[in-house]
């Protein structure tokens, strides 16, 4: 299979129908969740942006964002909200998602806009790696059951909790991570060697699936470490299929932990994944305004 692709702006009504079809492959099971072509068309003709990744003229991925408002102290300011990023199942893990976001970063900056926001499920390890580690987004906003009940195959069965991430397009952090030069990444050993505490280390459960810690070690106001690790399931979809009640416990447990840490002033600034047979995934949270 070829993994060479081109990226271009999608603007025609005919192409919008192809994007509808790709949505059905990426998020199967609920026609109600599909963003219709006529809405995509109206959006991109009024400041929005729809980018497509094509392999031999075939659409295999897309990124869609629209204009929004960012409320700041001196009044509202324009931003983009990136609503969807989808890659055909046969073309995942080839860097297409990253390439689409990089193109989005370039084009939105040309509009004179410096911030893009988007939402994603905070328990989805693959998305966390792309959004936080690769792209350099940060997060201190947790939204409970944001979309209400969702019935597509990827989201059914759990409350639709979401992170809203901030992607500061002109920041040194983002520019370094999107540079053509390869960036070194921190792994779990780096954090543990610095004696970074894990707030909620998992326990082995039924059939080896991780169980959330019942009493996480949250910091007190008088002793807030600069960096903390919060564990999430490494394979949420596998866990949901095998142990749906355990997946729900992870949702509720991490919801409580992350909301409290955000309230205390922590910010998600990195994500680490331990590969191998016993995979584990962790958010790194920094206290204060550190965003590098």
C-alpha atoms as a PDB file:
ATOM      1  CA  UNK A   1       0.000   0.000   0.000  1.00  0.00           C
ATOM      2  CA  UNK A   2       1.323   3.432  -0.925  1.00  0.00           C
ATOM      3  CA  UNK A   3       1.855   5.838   1.968  1.00  0.00           C
ATOM      4  CA  UNK A   4       2.776   8.836  -0.184  1.00  0.00           C
ATOM      5  CA  UNK A   5       0.083  11.496   0.008  1.00  0.00           C
ATOM      6  CA  UNK A   6      -0.728  15.054  -0.967  1.00  0.00           C
ATOM      7  CA  UNK A   7      -2.723  17.552   1.056  1.00  0.00           C
ATOM      8  CA  UNK A   8      -5.046  20.133  -0.456  1.00  0.00           C
ATOM      9  CA  UNK A   9      -7.958  22.378   0.507  1.00  0.00           C
ATOM     10  CA  UNK A  10     -11.393  20.836  -0.113  1.00  0.00           C
ATOM     11  CA  UNK A  11     -13.931  23.375  -1.385  1.00  0.00           C
ATOM     12  CA  UNK A  12     -16.416  21.812  -3.840  1.00  0.00           C
ATOM     13  CA  UNK A  13     -19.843  20.345  -3.135  1.00  0.00           C
ATOM     14  CA  UNK A  14     -18.872  17.072  -4.822  1.00  0.00           C
ATOM     15  CA  UNK A  15     -15.833  16.652  -2.581  1.00  0.00           C
ATOM     16  CA  UNK A  16     -17.973  17.278   0.517  1.00  0.00           C
ATOM     17  CA  UNK A  17     -19.944  14.118  -0.279  1.00  0.00           C
ATOM     18  CA  UNK A  18     -16.692  12.130  -0.309  1.00  0.00           C
ATOM     19  CA  UNK A  19     -15.887  13.572   3.122  1.00  0.00           C
ATOM     20  CA  UNK A  20     -19.306  12.394   4.341  1.00  0.00           C
ATOM     21  CA  UNK A  21     -18.461   8.856   3.188  1.00  0.00           C
ATOM     22  CA  UNK A  22     -15.086   8.928   4.944  1.00  0.00           C
ATOM     23  CA  UNK A  23     -16.764  10.057   8.166  1.00  0.00           C
ATOM     24  CA  UNK A  24     -18.904   6.909   8.040  1.00  0.00           C
ATOM     25  CA  UNK A  25     -15.771   4.753   7.888  1.00  0.00           C
ATOM     26  CA  UNK A  26     -13.962   6.610  10.660  1.00  0.00           C
ATOM     27  CA  UNK A  27     -16.938   6.847  13.042  1.00  0.00           C
ATOM     28  CA  UNK A  28     -19.232   3.953  12.090  1.00  0.00           C
ATOM     29  CA  UNK A  29     -22.575   3.141  13.609  1.00  0.00           C
ATOM     30  CA  UNK A  30     -24.526   6.401  13.794  1.00  0.00           C
ATOM     31  CA  UNK A  31     -25.670   8.403  10.775  1.00  0.00           C
ATOM     32  CA  UNK A  32     -26.769  11.180  13.130  1.00  0.00           C
ATOM     33  CA  UNK A  33     -23.131  11.942  13.992  1.00  0.00           C
ATOM     34  CA  UNK A  34     -22.159  12.726  10.366  1.00  0.00           C
ATOM     35  CA  UNK A  35     -21.526  16.415   9.610  1.00  0.00           C
ATOM     36  CA  UNK A  36     -23.416  16.945   6.333  1.00  0.00           C
ATOM     37  CA  UNK A  37     -21.727  18.180   3.193  1.00  0.00           C
ATOM     38  CA  UNK A  38     -23.872  21.319   2.879  1.00  0.00           C
ATOM     39  CA  UNK A  39     -22.774  22.477   6.346  1.00  0.00           C
ATOM     40  CA  UNK A  40     -19.117  21.775   5.538  1.00  0.00           C
ATOM     41  CA  UNK A  41     -19.492  23.731   2.301  1.00  0.00           C
ATOM     42  CA  UNK A  42     -21.056  26.763   4.008  1.00  0.00           C
ATOM     43  CA  UNK A  43     -18.380  26.724   6.678  1.00  0.00           C
ATOM     44  CA  UNK A  44     -15.342  26.584   4.384  1.00  0.00           C
ATOM     45  CA  UNK A  45     -16.755  29.390   2.226  1.00  0.00           C
ATOM     46  CA  UNK A  46     -16.992  31.598   5.336  1.00  0.00           C
ATOM     47  CA  UNK A  47     -13.606  31.356   7.001  1.00  0.00           C
ATOM     48  CA  UNK A  48     -13.556  27.665   7.885  1.00  0.00           C
ATOM     49  CA  UNK A  49     -10.957  25.216   6.629  1.00  0.00           C
ATOM     50  CA  UNK A  50     -11.310  21.662   5.305  1.00  0.00           C
ATOM     51  CA  UNK A  51      -8.081  19.904   4.364  1.00  0.00           C
ATOM     52  CA  UNK A  52      -7.899  16.524   2.650  1.00  0.00           C
ATOM     53  CA  UNK A  53      -5.095  13.983   2.397  1.00  0.00           C
ATOM     54  CA  UNK A  54      -5.120  12.103  -0.920  1.00  0.00           C
ATOM     55  CA  UNK A  55      -3.328   8.930  -1.988  1.00  0.00           C
ATOM     56  CA  UNK A  56      -3.516   8.533  -5.775  1.00  0.00           C
ATOM     57  CA  UNK A  57      -6.593  10.838  -5.932  1.00  0.00           C
ATOM     58  CA  UNK A  58      -8.345   8.897  -3.147  1.00  0.00           C
ATOM     59  CA  UNK A  59      -9.362  10.792  -0.008  1.00  0.00           C
ATOM     60  CA  UNK A  60      -7.831   8.986   2.981  1.00  0.00           C
ATOM     61  CA  UNK A  61      -7.935  11.686   5.660  1.00  0.00           C
ATOM     62  CA  UNK A  62      -9.304  15.123   6.467  1.00  0.00           C
ATOM     63  CA  UNK A  63      -9.145  17.895   9.067  1.00  0.00           C
ATOM     64  CA  UNK A  64     -12.016  20.347   9.507  1.00  0.00           C
ATOM     65  CA  UNK A  65     -12.029  23.574  11.522  1.00  0.00           C
ATOM     66  CA  UNK A  66     -14.236  26.646  11.689  1.00  0.00           C
ATOM     67  CA  UNK A  67     -14.005  30.172  13.064  1.00  0.00           C
ATOM     68  CA  UNK A  68     -14.900  30.780  16.701  1.00  0.00           C
ATOM     69  CA  UNK A  69     -14.447  33.381  19.420  1.00  0.00           C
ATOM     70  CA  UNK A  70     -11.963  33.312  22.273  1.00  0.00           C
ATOM     71  CA  UNK A  71     -13.105  35.338  25.286  1.00  0.00           C
ATOM     72  CA  UNK A  72     -10.134  37.158  26.830  1.00  0.00           C
ATOM     73  CA  UNK A  73      -9.761  39.985  29.335  1.00  0.00           C
ATOM     74  CA  UNK A  74      -9.785  42.777  26.739  1.00  0.00           C
ATOM     75  CA  UNK A  75     -12.642  41.362  24.678  1.00  0.00           C
ATOM     76  CA  UNK A  76     -13.357  38.570  22.164  1.00  0.00           C
ATOM     77  CA  UNK A  77     -10.684  37.400  19.729  1.00  0.00           C
ATOM     78  CA  UNK A  78     -10.906  35.123  16.710  1.00  0.00           C
ATOM     79  CA  UNK A  79      -9.747  31.508  16.916  1.00  0.00           C
ATOM     80  CA  UNK A  80     -10.306  28.310  14.944  1.00  0.00           C
ATOM     81  CA  UNK A  81     -12.050  25.332  16.482  1.00  0.00           C
ATOM     82  CA  UNK A  82     -10.893  22.063  14.931  1.00  0.00           C
ATOM     83  CA  UNK A  83     -13.983  19.878  15.032  1.00  0.00           C
ATOM     84  CA  UNK A  84     -12.856  16.735  13.188  1.00  0.00           C
ATOM     85  CA  UNK A  85      -9.678  14.900  12.248  1.00  0.00           C
ATOM     86  CA  UNK A  86     -10.246  11.553  10.559  1.00  0.00           C
ATOM     87  CA  UNK A  87      -8.015   9.037   8.781  1.00  0.00           C
ATOM     88  CA  UNK A  88      -9.187   5.995   6.823  1.00  0.00           C
ATOM     89  CA  UNK A  89      -8.636   2.824   8.933  1.00  0.00           C
ATOM     90  CA  UNK A  90      -6.307   1.377   6.262  1.00  0.00           C
ATOM     91  CA  UNK A  91      -4.013   4.426   6.392  1.00  0.00           C
ATOM     92  CA  UNK A  92      -3.529   4.990  10.116  1.00  0.00           C
ATOM     93  CA  UNK A  93      -0.136   5.074  11.846  1.00  0.00           C
ATOM     94  CA  UNK A  94       1.576   6.520   8.750  1.00  0.00           C
ATOM     95  CA  UNK A  95       1.739  10.144   9.902  1.00  0.00           C
ATOM     96  CA  UNK A  96      -1.248  11.416   7.915  1.00  0.00           C
ATOM     97  CA  UNK A  97      -2.992  12.872  10.970  1.00  0.00           C
ATOM     98  CA  UNK A  98       0.138  14.787  11.952  1.00  0.00           C
ATOM     99  CA  UNK A  99       0.604  16.041   8.372  1.00  0.00           C
ATOM    100  CA  UNK A 100      -2.980  17.317   8.255  1.00  0.00           C
ATOM    101  CA  UNK A 101      -2.578  19.164  11.536  1.00  0.00           C
ATOM    102  CA  UNK A 102       0.713  20.674  10.385  1.00  0.00           C
ATOM    103  CA  UNK A 103      -0.980  21.963   7.226  1.00  0.00           C
ATOM    104  CA  UNK A 104      -3.808  23.330   9.355  1.00  0.00           C
ATOM    105  CA  UNK A 105      -1.250  25.113  11.558  1.00  0.00           C
ATOM    106  CA  UNK A 106       0.319  26.749   8.497  1.00  0.00           C
ATOM    107  CA  UNK A 107      -2.939  27.896   6.905  1.00  0.00           C
ATOM    108  CA  UNK A 108      -4.642  29.214  10.036  1.00  0.00           C
ATOM    109  CA  UNK A 109      -1.564  31.294  10.864  1.00  0.00           C
ATOM    110  CA  UNK A 110      -1.893  32.884   7.422  1.00  0.00           C
ATOM    111  CA  UNK A 111      -5.332  34.127   8.524  1.00  0.00           C
ATOM    112  CA  UNK A 112      -3.599  36.011  11.352  1.00  0.00           C
ATOM    113  CA  UNK A 113      -5.083  33.679  13.988  1.00  0.00           C
ATOM    114  CA  UNK A 114      -2.863  32.382  16.786  1.00  0.00           C
ATOM    115  CA  UNK A 115      -5.031  29.814  18.581  1.00  0.00           C
ATOM    116  CA  UNK A 116      -6.809  26.599  17.611  1.00  0.00           C
ATOM    117  CA  UNK A 117      -8.878  24.623  20.086  1.00  0.00           C
ATOM    118  CA  UNK A 118     -10.370  21.155  19.803  1.00  0.00           C
ATOM    119  CA  UNK A 119     -11.802  18.401  21.957  1.00  0.00           C
ATOM    120  CA  UNK A 120     -10.885  14.754  22.364  1.00  0.00           C
ATOM    121  CA  UNK A 121     -11.592  11.906  24.757  1.00  0.00           C
ATOM    122  CA  UNK A 122      -8.923  12.173  27.489  1.00  0.00           C
ATOM    123  CA  UNK A 123      -8.791   8.368  27.814  1.00  0.00           C
ATOM    124  CA  UNK A 124      -7.813   7.813  24.169  1.00  0.00           C
ATOM    125  CA  UNK A 125      -4.082   7.140  24.335  1.00  0.00           C
ATOM    126  CA  UNK A 126      -3.439   7.407  20.577  1.00  0.00           C
ATOM    127  CA  UNK A 127      -5.105  10.825  20.401  1.00  0.00           C
ATOM    128  CA  UNK A 128      -3.286  12.045  23.513  1.00  0.00           C
ATOM    129  CA  UNK A 129       0.073  11.135  21.969  1.00  0.00           C
ATOM    130  CA  UNK A 130      -0.680  13.085  18.785  1.00  0.00           C
ATOM    131  CA  UNK A 131      -2.313  16.108  20.420  1.00  0.00           C
ATOM    132  CA  UNK A 132      -0.049  16.666  23.406  1.00  0.00           C
ATOM    133  CA  UNK A 133       3.306  15.080  22.559  1.00  0.00           C
ATOM    134  CA  UNK A 134       3.563  15.501  18.792  1.00  0.00           C
ATOM    135  CA  UNK A 135       1.624  18.734  18.249  1.00  0.00           C
ATOM    136  CA  UNK A 136       2.395  20.532  21.505  1.00  0.00           C
ATOM    137  CA  UNK A 137      -1.173  21.353  22.544  1.00  0.00           C
ATOM    138  CA  UNK A 138      -1.812  21.972  26.248  1.00  0.00           C
ATOM    139  CA  UNK A 139      -4.937  21.490  28.349  1.00  0.00           C
ATOM    140  CA  UNK A 140      -6.511  22.668  31.583  1.00  0.00           C
ATOM    141  CA  UNK A 141     -10.182  22.334  30.576  1.00  0.00           C
ATOM    142  CA  UNK A 142     -12.217  19.203  31.355  1.00  0.00           C
ATOM    143  CA  UNK A 143     -15.827  18.981  30.131  1.00  0.00           C
ATOM    144  CA  UNK A 144     -18.167  16.330  31.546  1.00  0.00           C
ATOM    145  CA  UNK A 145     -20.363  14.430  29.073  1.00  0.00           C
ATOM    146  CA  UNK A 146     -19.791  17.246  26.576  1.00  0.00           C
ATOM    147  CA  UNK A 147     -21.716  15.792  23.618  1.00  0.00           C
ATOM    148  CA  UNK A 148     -24.295  13.930  25.700  1.00  0.00           C
ATOM    149  CA  UNK A 149     -25.025  10.319  24.776  1.00  0.00           C
ATOM    150  CA  UNK A 150     -23.190   9.231  21.626  1.00  0.00           C
ATOM    151  CA  UNK A 151     -24.153   6.060  19.774  1.00  0.00           C
ATOM    152  CA  UNK A 152     -21.378   5.530  17.229  1.00  0.00           C
ATOM    153  CA  UNK A 153     -19.142   2.500  17.755  1.00  0.00           C
ATOM    154  CA  UNK A 154     -16.169   4.469  19.073  1.00  0.00           C
ATOM    155  CA  UNK A 155     -18.056   6.474  21.703  1.00  0.00           C
ATOM    156  CA  UNK A 156     -21.025   4.349  22.791  1.00  0.00           C
ATOM    157  CA  UNK A 157     -21.016   3.055  26.346  1.00  0.00           C
ATOM    158  CA  UNK A 158     -19.272   5.897  28.204  1.00  0.00           C
ATOM    159  CA  UNK A 159     -20.119   9.503  29.094  1.00  0.00           C
ATOM    160  CA  UNK A 160     -18.688  11.733  26.356  1.00  0.00           C
ATOM    161  CA  UNK A 161     -16.173  13.525  28.592  1.00  0.00           C
ATOM    162  CA  UNK A 162     -13.689  15.659  26.678  1.00  0.00           C
ATOM    163  CA  UNK A 163     -10.507  17.640  27.069  1.00  0.00           C
ATOM    164  CA  UNK A 164     -10.545  20.989  25.296  1.00  0.00           C
ATOM    165  CA  UNK A 165      -6.960  21.613  24.250  1.00  0.00           C
ATOM    166  CA  UNK A 166      -5.309  24.899  23.326  1.00  0.00           C
ATOM    167  CA  UNK A 167      -2.879  24.990  20.415  1.00  0.00           C
ATOM    168  CA  UNK A 168      -0.926  28.257  20.540  1.00  0.00           C
ATOM    169  CA  UNK A 169       0.267  28.416  16.953  1.00  0.00           C
ATOM    170  CA  UNK A 170       3.052  30.958  17.378  1.00  0.00           C
ATOM    171  CA  UNK A 171       4.474  29.600  20.633  1.00  0.00           C
ATOM    172  CA  UNK A 172       8.032  28.316  20.830  1.00  0.00           C
ATOM    173  CA  UNK A 173       6.675  25.025  22.159  1.00  0.00           C
ATOM    174  CA  UNK A 174       4.520  24.386  19.082  1.00  0.00           C
ATOM    175  CA  UNK A 175       7.090  25.648  16.595  1.00  0.00           C
ATOM    176  CA  UNK A 176       9.747  23.311  17.987  1.00  0.00           C
ATOM    177  CA  UNK A 177       7.433  20.315  17.865  1.00  0.00           C
ATOM    178  CA  UNK A 178       6.388  21.016  14.294  1.00  0.00           C
ATOM    179  CA  UNK A 179       9.927  21.678  13.139  1.00  0.00           C
ATOM    180  CA  UNK A 180      11.399  19.413  10.464  1.00  0.00           C
ATOM    181  CA  UNK A 181      14.160  18.621  12.960  1.00  0.00           C
ATOM    182  CA  UNK A 182      13.428  15.513  15.007  1.00  0.00           C
ATOM    183  CA  UNK A 183      12.604  16.366  18.612  1.00  0.00           C
ATOM    184  CA  UNK A 184      13.700  14.156  21.469  1.00  0.00           C
ATOM    185  CA  UNK A 185      10.816  13.003  23.655  1.00  0.00           C
ATOM    186  CA  UNK A 186      10.725  12.172  27.338  1.00  0.00           C
ATOM    187  CA  UNK A 187       9.794   8.619  28.296  1.00  0.00           C
ATOM    188  CA  UNK A 188       8.493   7.220  31.571  1.00  0.00           C
ATOM    189  CA  UNK A 189      12.010   6.484  32.818  1.00  0.00           C
ATOM    190  CA  UNK A 190      12.913  10.179  32.607  1.00  0.00           C
ATOM    191  CA  UNK A 191      10.014  11.157  34.834  1.00  0.00           C
ATOM    192  CA  UNK A 192      10.531   8.332  37.328  1.00  0.00           C
ATOM    193  CA  UNK A 193      14.264   9.050  37.594  1.00  0.00           C
ATOM    194  CA  UNK A 194      13.304  12.582  38.653  1.00  0.00           C
ATOM    195  CA  UNK A 195      11.062  11.029  41.353  1.00  0.00           C
ATOM    196  CA  UNK A 196       7.879  12.258  39.670  1.00  0.00           C
ATOM    197  CA  UNK A 197       4.868  10.938  41.563  1.00  0.00           C
ATOM    198  CA  UNK A 198       2.146   8.903  39.840  1.00  0.00           C
ATOM    199  CA  UNK A 199      -1.157  10.120  41.275  1.00  0.00           C
ATOM    200  CA  UNK A 200      -3.103   6.967  40.403  1.00  0.00           C
ATOM    201  CA  UNK A 201      -0.875   3.972  39.544  1.00  0.00           C
ATOM    202  CA  UNK A 202      -3.018   1.197  38.046  1.00  0.00           C
ATOM    203  CA  UNK A 203      -3.457  -2.266  39.500  1.00  0.00           C
ATOM    204  CA  UNK A 204      -3.643  -5.484  37.475  1.00  0.00           C
ATOM    205  CA  UNK A 205      -7.234  -6.671  37.252  1.00  0.00           C
ATOM    206  CA  UNK A 206      -9.281  -9.399  35.574  1.00  0.00           C
ATOM    207  CA  UNK A 207      -7.468 -10.954  32.596  1.00  0.00           C
ATOM    208  CA  UNK A 208      -4.663  -8.445  33.040  1.00  0.00           C
ATOM    209  CA  UNK A 209      -6.749  -5.339  32.291  1.00  0.00           C
ATOM    210  CA  UNK A 210      -5.703  -2.358  34.445  1.00  0.00           C
ATOM    211  CA  UNK A 211      -7.881  -1.297  37.364  1.00  0.00           C
ATOM    212  CA  UNK A 212      -8.022   2.350  38.510  1.00  0.00           C
ATOM    213  CA  UNK A 213      -6.669   3.156  41.957  1.00  0.00           C
ATOM    214  CA  UNK A 214      -9.514   3.698  44.417  1.00  0.00           C
ATOM    215  CA  UNK A 215      -7.741   6.372  46.489  1.00  0.00           C
ATOM    216  CA  UNK A 216      -5.466   8.499  44.277  1.00  0.00           C
ATOM    217  CA  UNK A 217      -2.672  10.470  45.923  1.00  0.00           C
ATOM    218  CA  UNK A 218      -3.728  14.012  45.071  1.00  0.00           C
ATOM    219  CA  UNK A 219      -1.423  16.805  46.259  1.00  0.00           C
ATOM    220  CA  UNK A 220      -2.411  19.105  49.101  1.00  0.00           C
ATOM    221  CA  UNK A 221      -2.369  22.867  48.671  1.00  0.00           C
ATOM    222  CA  UNK A 222       0.752  23.261  50.800  1.00  0.00           C
ATOM    223  CA  UNK A 223       2.835  20.741  48.839  1.00  0.00           C
ATOM    224  CA  UNK A 224       2.266  20.883  45.100  1.00  0.00           C
ATOM    225  CA  UNK A 225       5.026  19.216  43.059  1.00  0.00           C
ATOM    226  CA  UNK A 226       5.995  20.940  39.820  1.00  0.00           C
ATOM    227  CA  UNK A 227       5.253  17.796  37.777  1.00  0.00           C
ATOM    228  CA  UNK A 228       2.776  14.954  38.325  1.00  0.00           C
ATOM    229  CA  UNK A 229       1.802  11.868  36.301  1.00  0.00           C
ATOM    230  CA  UNK A 230      -1.796  10.702  35.860  1.00  0.00           C
ATOM    231  CA  UNK A 231      -2.318   7.228  34.416  1.00  0.00           C
ATOM    232  CA  UNK A 232      -5.006   6.367  31.859  1.00  0.00           C
ATOM    233  CA  UNK A 233      -5.786   3.030  30.142  1.00  0.00           C
ATOM    234  CA  UNK A 234      -3.382   2.344  27.292  1.00  0.00           C
ATOM    235  CA  UNK A 235      -6.137   0.685  25.218  1.00  0.00           C
ATOM    236  CA  UNK A 236      -9.536   2.179  26.029  1.00  0.00           C
ATOM    237  CA  UNK A 237     -11.362   0.470  23.155  1.00  0.00           C
ATOM    238  CA  UNK A 238     -10.034  -2.964  24.115  1.00  0.00           C
ATOM    239  CA  UNK A 239     -10.916  -2.325  27.754  1.00  0.00           C
ATOM    240  CA  UNK A 240     -14.462  -1.210  26.855  1.00  0.00           C
ATOM    241  CA  UNK A 241     -15.011  -4.386  24.836  1.00  0.00           C
ATOM    242  CA  UNK A 242     -13.625  -6.710  27.535  1.00  0.00           C
ATOM    243  CA  UNK A 243     -14.538  -4.931  30.771  1.00  0.00           C
ATOM    244  CA  UNK A 244     -17.104  -2.141  30.191  1.00  0.00           C
ATOM    245  CA  UNK A 245     -17.676  -1.518  33.897  1.00  0.00           C
ATOM    246  CA  UNK A 246     -13.942  -1.129  34.472  1.00  0.00           C
ATOM    247  CA  UNK A 247     -13.810   1.375  31.596  1.00  0.00           C
ATOM    248  CA  UNK A 248     -16.596   3.352  33.263  1.00  0.00           C
ATOM    249  CA  UNK A 249     -14.688   3.336  36.561  1.00  0.00           C
ATOM    250  CA  UNK A 250     -11.647   4.737  34.739  1.00  0.00           C
ATOM    251  CA  UNK A 251     -13.823   7.477  33.246  1.00  0.00           C
ATOM    252  CA  UNK A 252     -15.224   8.545  36.599  1.00  0.00           C
ATOM    253  CA  UNK A 253     -11.927   8.208  38.455  1.00  0.00           C
ATOM    254  CA  UNK A 254      -9.816  10.202  35.988  1.00  0.00           C
ATOM    255  CA  UNK A 255     -12.588  12.786  35.657  1.00  0.00           C
ATOM    256  CA  UNK A 256     -12.380  13.503  39.361  1.00  0.00           C
ATOM    257  CA  UNK A 257      -8.563  13.538  39.416  1.00  0.00           C
ATOM    258  CA  UNK A 258      -8.070  15.779  36.394  1.00  0.00           C
ATOM    259  CA  UNK A 259     -10.775  18.245  37.377  1.00  0.00           C
ATOM    260  CA  UNK A 260      -9.182  18.634  40.805  1.00  0.00           C
ATOM    261  CA  UNK A 261      -5.670  19.071  39.403  1.00  0.00           C
ATOM    262  CA  UNK A 262      -6.905  21.672  36.903  1.00  0.00           C
ATOM    263  CA  UNK A 263      -8.639  23.467  39.785  1.00  0.00           C
ATOM    264  CA  UNK A 264      -5.335  23.516  41.675  1.00  0.00           C
ATOM    265  CA  UNK A 265      -3.557  25.157  38.741  1.00  0.00           C
ATOM    266  CA  UNK A 266      -2.034  22.192  36.909  1.00  0.00           C
ATOM    267  CA  UNK A 267      -1.787  22.045  33.107  1.00  0.00           C
ATOM    268  CA  UNK A 268      -1.367  18.981  30.857  1.00  0.00           C
ATOM    269  CA  UNK A 269       1.938  19.559  29.051  1.00  0.00           C
ATOM    270  CA  UNK A 270       3.118  16.092  27.989  1.00  0.00           C
ATOM    271  CA  UNK A 271       2.083  12.497  27.470  1.00  0.00           C
ATOM    272  CA  UNK A 272       4.159   9.336  27.761  1.00  0.00           C
ATOM    273  CA  UNK A 273       3.413   5.791  26.669  1.00  0.00           C
ATOM    274  CA  UNK A 274       5.200   2.666  27.858  1.00  0.00           C
ATOM    275  CA  UNK A 275       5.081   0.099  25.003  1.00  0.00           C
ATOM    276  CA  UNK A 276       5.388  -3.659  25.257  1.00  0.00           C
ATOM    277  CA  UNK A 277       3.222  -6.428  26.646  1.00  0.00           C
ATOM    278  CA  UNK A 278       2.166  -4.413  29.696  1.00  0.00           C
ATOM    279  CA  UNK A 279       1.437  -1.098  28.031  1.00  0.00           C
ATOM    280  CA  UNK A 280       0.855   1.935  30.236  1.00  0.00           C
ATOM    281  CA  UNK A 281      -0.001   5.548  29.422  1.00  0.00           C
ATOM    282  CA  UNK A 282       0.399   8.727  31.468  1.00  0.00           C
ATOM    283  CA  UNK A 283      -0.332  12.432  31.251  1.00  0.00           C
ATOM    284  CA  UNK A 284       2.350  14.735  32.632  1.00  0.00           C
ATOM    285  CA  UNK A 285       0.906  17.805  34.336  1.00  0.00           C
ATOM    286  CA  UNK A 286       2.925  20.911  35.188  1.00  0.00           C
ATOM    287  CA  UNK A 287       2.038  23.318  37.982  1.00  0.00           C
ATOM    288  CA  UNK A 288       1.700  26.956  37.011  1.00  0.00           C
ATOM    289  CA  UNK A 289       2.172  28.350  33.517  1.00  0.00           C
ATOM    290  CA  UNK A 290       4.992  26.132  32.213  1.00  0.00           C
ATOM    291  CA  UNK A 291       4.072  25.203  28.632  1.00  0.00           C
ATOM    292  CA  UNK A 292       7.382  24.178  27.030  1.00  0.00           C
END
